[in-house]
Amino acid sequence: MSQTHSKTARRIIIAIFLLACFLLCLYYLLPVGYFNINMLNYPVDQVQINNEETCLRVLKTQNYRCTVNNNVTKLLMTTSAPKPLTTTKKEEPDTIVLIWMWPFGVPFELGSCSSAFNIHGCHLTDDKGLFNQAHGVMIHHRDISWDLSNMPQLPRTTFQKWIWWNMESPTHSGQNPQLKDLFNLTSSYRRDSDIPVPYGWLSEATEEEKKYLSTIPEKSKLVCWIASNYNPNYKRSHYFTELVKYINVETHGGHFNKRINNDEYVNLVSSCKFYLSFENSIHRDYITEKLFNPLNIGTVPVVIGPPRENYEQFIPSEAFIHVDDFPSPKELADHLRLLDQNKDLYMRYFTWREHFVSKSSLFGFEHACWICDYIRKNKHYKVVRDLNSWYWG
């Protein structure tokens, strides 16, 4: 009997122990959702948690796969989390460019930069009352008084830039030592200006322009030249004096007492096979309308100016004739007569017109628009330390 009672007692103790284990399991596992319907389909350790923070805490202590109840999370976000503030981008105010002095005292039309050059947000003015609001102040070099008495006297604001503006060559622009450290930017024909505006350039021709360019005007004259600013000491004057010994040149302009207007200019130059595009002084990049106007009209320019290499930075090598290509004016005259007698050779000087058209800049107005464009895109500080060394050096 004692042995039978001993076995029964053992079984009771084991049953109680197993029951206690089962109850302990229920106590610890039910709160974390271990026993749920997912157990029927996914025999892996998985816990469903209502937020990510609790999920991460469980992962640190239990070997469970955690799934977040996103519906609860979204509900909390929509009911308690503040909505992010929405900001609208403010439109940049217009850039004000003040023309402090009209070039040579002659006003030019202040048109729309957006319609002319697709430059937006510009306000061009000559109202000096807007000086304190102006982002840029254009000052024309040839109109600056020697004592600077006609320069702005009010202190400039921190954001304001003064622009030195000049299209004359160094030979015809006087130096003033008081201009050192005075300007922030430069605008001129020079390609190394901050805002370069050449006298002209070649632009890709449209289909409509190609139809026009394919026709070369009828020629009744061989060589033409128009000169008003004549100085016997200029290189072009010496060269002309020698050239006319070997070839006839049709001359017009104030120096020859035969002034012409714009319409007469076009009619005359278009009727000439060659035009003497002689610059009044020789300087880097100083290539003026004397070149680009004949190109546009349909006449071959014969140039005096900077070296051929400089011209070829603006136009193709076969679009012009440079006097430096010939040992003397006599050899140039011989070449012009040869081209006059050979149409195929002459027409080679117009092959560039199959692709390009000659354009000219709008003096003053175009400078103002490109100055505005530069200031809008470049907010950093800048100063022209030594204007005289840069331009006249």
Foldseek 3Di string as FASTA:
>chain_A
DVVVVVVVVVVVVVVVVVVVVVVVCCVPPVVQPQDDPVCVPDVAAEGEEADDVVQVVCVVPDVHHYDYPVVSVVVCCVPPNDDDDDDDDDDDAAAEEEAQADVVNDDDDQDDLCVPPVFDRYDYYNPCVCQQVHQEYEDEQVPQDLVNPSPDPDDHDPRHFYEYEYADAPVPGDDHQVCFFVGFFYEYCDPPGPQYDNQKFKDWDDPVLLVVLVDQAAADAEEEEEDAPDDCPFPVNVQVVVLCVADPYHYAYNVVPHHDDPVVVLVVLSRYQEYELEDRDADQSSRHVSQLVSQQSRHAYEYDYYDLVRVCVGPPSLQHHYPVVDPGSNVVSVVSVVCVVPVVSSCSNSPCSNTIHMDGDDPPNRRSSSVSSSSVVDRDTGTRRGPCVVRVD
